[in-house]
Amino acid sequence: MNWLFLKTWSPYLVGIGIGILSWISLLLSNKAIGCSTAYVRTGGMIEKFLRGKQIKERKYFQKFEPKIDWEWMLVIGIIIGSSLSAALSGQFEIEIIPAIWSQTFGNNIFLRLISAIIGGTLIGFGSRLAGGCTSGHGISGSLQLSVGSWLALALFFIGGIITSISLFQLLGGL
């Protein structure tokens, strides 16, 4: 059981584990692994709390009912599992402003918070526009040999490479 305390795990073993989890998910629930819908449902639950039954008028929430479901529990499991893993490996810490952010943009908490909110909103919008998040397309969609998911996966990599090169040049090669 020493592997539980490692700072990094083998990406091959983790990949196999995620693959097995995907099989189990499809077998038991007939649903693929993905997380972005859980965030939409959470937004819907918040809106339902604030607006009441008016939320049923929204076509989107007719399709994705605001409720706690297995995807929502998957997100909770990811949070708990990653926190537990970090604690067991001695790497757990609460960090408001990461060192690389501080070196590049300074220690302004407001700037960090605004950037996180804007980035999170854009990621959420993009994942809904794309019909799923990176894990949904990259893991579940590719597992099911979905052409759209394979295309999305390729574009994730291309976009990531372009973004990282652009940021590297913009920030002066750190």
Protein backbone atom coordinates (compact mmCIF):
# COMPACT_ATOMS: atom_id res chain seq x y z
CA MET A 1 0.00 0.00 0.00
CA ASN A 2 3.04 2.32 -0.24
CA TRP A 3 1.75 3.54 -3.62
CA LEU A 4 -0.94 5.54 -1.79
CA PHE A 5 1.77 7.76 -0.33
CA LEU A 6 3.62 8.50 -3.59
CA LYS A 7 3.79 12.11 -4.79
CA THR A 8 3.17 11.00 -8.39
CA TRP A 9 1.50 7.89 -9.72
CA SER A 10 2.20 6.04 -12.91
CA PRO A 11 0.14 7.67 -15.69
CA TYR A 12 -0.22 4.23 -17.26
CA LEU A 13 -1.77 2.69 -14.15
CA VAL A 14 -3.98 5.73 -13.59
CA GLY A 15 -5.10 5.53 -17.24
CA ILE A 16 -5.96 1.86 -16.81
CA GLY A 17 -7.90 2.73 -13.64
CA ILE A 18 -9.88 5.45 -15.42
CA GLY A 19 -10.58 3.03 -18.28
CA ILE A 20 -11.90 0.42 -15.86
CA LEU A 21 -14.00 3.08 -14.10
CA SER A 22 -15.43 4.07 -17.50
CA TRP A 23 -16.39 0.46 -18.24
CA ILE A 24 -18.05 0.11 -14.84
CA SER A 25 -19.91 3.40 -15.35
CA LEU A 26 -21.23 2.31 -18.74
CA LEU A 27 -22.09 -1.15 -17.45
CA LEU A 28 -23.95 -0.06 -14.30
CA SER A 29 -25.53 3.24 -15.34
CA ASN A 30 -25.38 3.20 -19.14
CA LYS A 31 -23.75 6.65 -18.84
CA ALA A 32 -20.26 7.80 -19.73
CA ILE A 33 -17.96 9.64 -17.33
CA GLY A 34 -18.07 13.43 -17.52
CA CYS A 35 -18.22 16.37 -15.13
CA SER A 36 -19.45 19.50 -16.90
CA THR A 37 -23.14 18.65 -16.62
CA ALA A 38 -22.79 18.52 -12.84
CA TYR A 39 -21.79 22.18 -12.82
CA VAL A 40 -24.77 23.09 -14.99
CA ARG A 41 -27.07 21.17 -12.66
CA THR A 42 -25.55 23.01 -9.68
CA GLY A 43 -26.24 26.35 -11.37
CA GLY A 44 -29.77 25.17 -12.01
CA MET A 45 -30.22 24.17 -8.36
CA ILE A 46 -29.03 27.62 -7.27
CA GLU A 47 -31.39 29.27 -9.75
CA LYS A 48 -34.24 27.01 -8.61
CA PHE A 49 -33.59 28.08 -5.02
CA LEU A 50 -33.68 31.76 -6.03
CA ARG A 51 -36.49 31.69 -8.61
CA GLY A 52 -38.53 28.65 -7.66
CA LYS A 53 -40.55 26.72 -10.21
CA GLN A 54 -39.95 29.31 -12.94
CA ILE A 55 -36.81 27.37 -13.79
CA LYS A 56 -38.96 24.70 -15.45
CA GLU A 57 -39.64 27.23 -18.24
CA ARG A 58 -36.04 26.97 -19.42
CA LYS A 59 -35.64 24.38 -22.15
CA TYR A 60 -32.08 23.69 -21.10
CA PHE A 61 -33.14 22.70 -17.60
CA GLN A 62 -35.93 20.58 -19.03
CA LYS A 63 -33.19 18.53 -20.70
CA PHE A 64 -30.70 18.72 -17.78
CA GLU A 65 -32.88 18.72 -14.69
CA PRO A 66 -31.26 20.57 -11.78
CA LYS A 67 -30.71 17.72 -9.35
CA ILE A 68 -28.01 15.80 -7.56
CA ASP A 69 -27.15 12.83 -9.74
CA TRP A 70 -24.26 10.44 -10.25
CA GLU A 71 -22.17 13.02 -12.15
CA TRP A 72 -22.58 15.45 -9.28
CA MET A 73 -21.40 12.75 -6.88
CA LEU A 74 -18.45 12.05 -9.22
CA VAL A 75 -17.34 15.69 -8.83
CA ILE A 76 -17.61 15.38 -5.03
CA GLY A 77 -15.60 12.14 -5.25
CA ILE A 78 -12.92 13.85 -7.34
CA ILE A 79 -12.60 16.63 -4.75
CA ILE A 80 -12.44 14.19 -1.84
CA GLY A 81 -10.15 11.74 -3.64
CA SER A 82 -7.67 14.36 -4.81
CA SER A 83 -7.59 15.98 -1.36
CA LEU A 84 -7.03 12.60 0.28
CA SER A 85 -4.29 11.73 -2.22
CA ALA A 86 -2.55 15.07 -1.64
CA ALA A 87 -2.78 14.62 2.14
CA LEU A 88 -1.42 11.06 2.03
CA SER A 89 1.52 12.13 -0.16
CA GLY A 90 2.30 15.08 2.10
CA GLN A 91 1.51 17.58 -0.68
CA PHE A 92 -1.80 19.00 0.62
CA GLU A 93 -1.82 22.75 1.11
CA ILE A 94 -4.33 25.52 0.63
CA GLU A 95 -2.86 28.04 -1.77
CA ILE A 96 -4.78 31.16 -2.72
CA ILE A 97 -2.08 32.55 -5.02
CA PRO A 98 0.23 29.93 -6.58
CA ALA A 99 3.92 30.84 -6.84
CA ILE A 100 3.93 30.95 -10.65
CA TRP A 101 0.97 33.37 -10.59
CA SER A 102 2.68 35.53 -7.98
CA GLN A 103 5.93 35.68 -9.98
CA THR A 104 4.10 36.64 -13.14
CA PHE A 105 1.19 38.84 -12.01
CA GLY A 106 1.96 39.72 -8.38
CA ASN A 107 0.03 39.03 -5.19
CA ASN A 108 -3.21 40.83 -5.97
CA ILE A 109 -5.95 38.51 -4.65
CA PHE A 110 -8.69 40.44 -6.47
CA LEU A 111 -6.94 39.97 -9.85
CA ARG A 112 -6.47 36.27 -9.10
CA LEU A 113 -10.15 35.86 -8.14
CA ILE A 114 -11.46 37.75 -11.18
CA SER A 115 -9.18 35.72 -13.49
CA ALA A 116 -10.36 32.47 -11.92
CA ILE A 117 -14.03 33.45 -12.28
CA ILE A 118 -13.61 34.55 -15.91
CA GLY A 119 -11.56 31.44 -16.76
CA GLY A 120 -14.03 29.12 -15.05
CA THR A 121 -16.96 30.75 -16.80
CA LEU A 122 -15.28 30.44 -20.21
CA ILE A 123 -14.41 26.79 -19.57
CA GLY A 124 -17.98 26.08 -18.46
CA PHE A 125 -19.45 27.85 -21.48
CA GLY A 126 -17.03 26.11 -23.84
CA SER A 127 -17.74 22.67 -22.40
CA ARG A 128 -21.48 23.17 -22.77
CA LEU A 129 -21.01 24.53 -26.29
CA ALA A 130 -18.87 21.49 -27.17
CA GLY A 131 -21.37 19.06 -25.62
CA GLY A 132 -18.95 18.00 -22.90
CA CYS A 133 -15.73 18.71 -21.08
CA THR A 134 -12.24 17.42 -21.69
CA SER A 135 -12.82 14.36 -19.55
CA GLY A 136 -16.17 13.70 -21.20
CA HIS A 137 -14.77 13.86 -24.71
CA GLY A 138 -11.21 12.74 -24.03
CA ILE A 139 -12.07 9.74 -21.90
CA SER A 140 -15.66 8.70 -22.49
CA GLY A 141 -16.18 9.92 -26.03
CA SER A 142 -12.94 8.49 -27.36
CA LEU A 143 -13.67 5.22 -25.52
CA GLN A 144 -16.92 5.02 -27.49
CA LEU A 145 -15.06 5.88 -30.73
CA SER A 146 -17.06 9.08 -31.20
CA VAL A 147 -15.64 11.00 -34.18
CA GLY A 148 -16.68 14.30 -32.58
CA SER A 149 -14.86 13.43 -29.38
CA TRP A 150 -11.69 12.43 -31.23
CA LEU A 151 -11.84 15.73 -33.12
CA ALA A 152 -12.43 17.63 -29.87
CA LEU A 153 -9.51 15.81 -28.25
CA ALA A 154 -7.18 16.75 -31.12
CA LEU A 155 -8.33 20.36 -30.93
CA PHE A 156 -7.78 20.39 -27.12
CA PHE A 157 -4.14 19.48 -27.71
CA ILE A 158 -3.70 21.95 -30.57
CA GLY A 159 -5.33 24.73 -28.56
CA GLY A 160 -3.23 23.88 -25.51
CA ILE A 161 -0.01 23.96 -27.51
CA ILE A 162 -0.89 27.28 -29.16
CA THR A 163 -1.92 28.79 -25.83
CA SER A 164 1.18 27.62 -23.98
CA ILE A 165 3.54 28.88 -26.74
CA SER A 166 1.68 32.22 -26.85
CA LEU A 167 1.78 32.66 -23.08
CA PHE A 168 5.43 31.66 -22.98
CA GLN A 169 6.29 34.32 -25.55
CA LEU A 170 3.97 36.89 -23.99
CA LEU A 171 5.49 36.43 -20.55
CA GLY A 172 9.02 36.68 -21.88
CA GLY A 173 10.05 33.03 -21.65
CA LEU A 174 9.85 32.82 -17.85
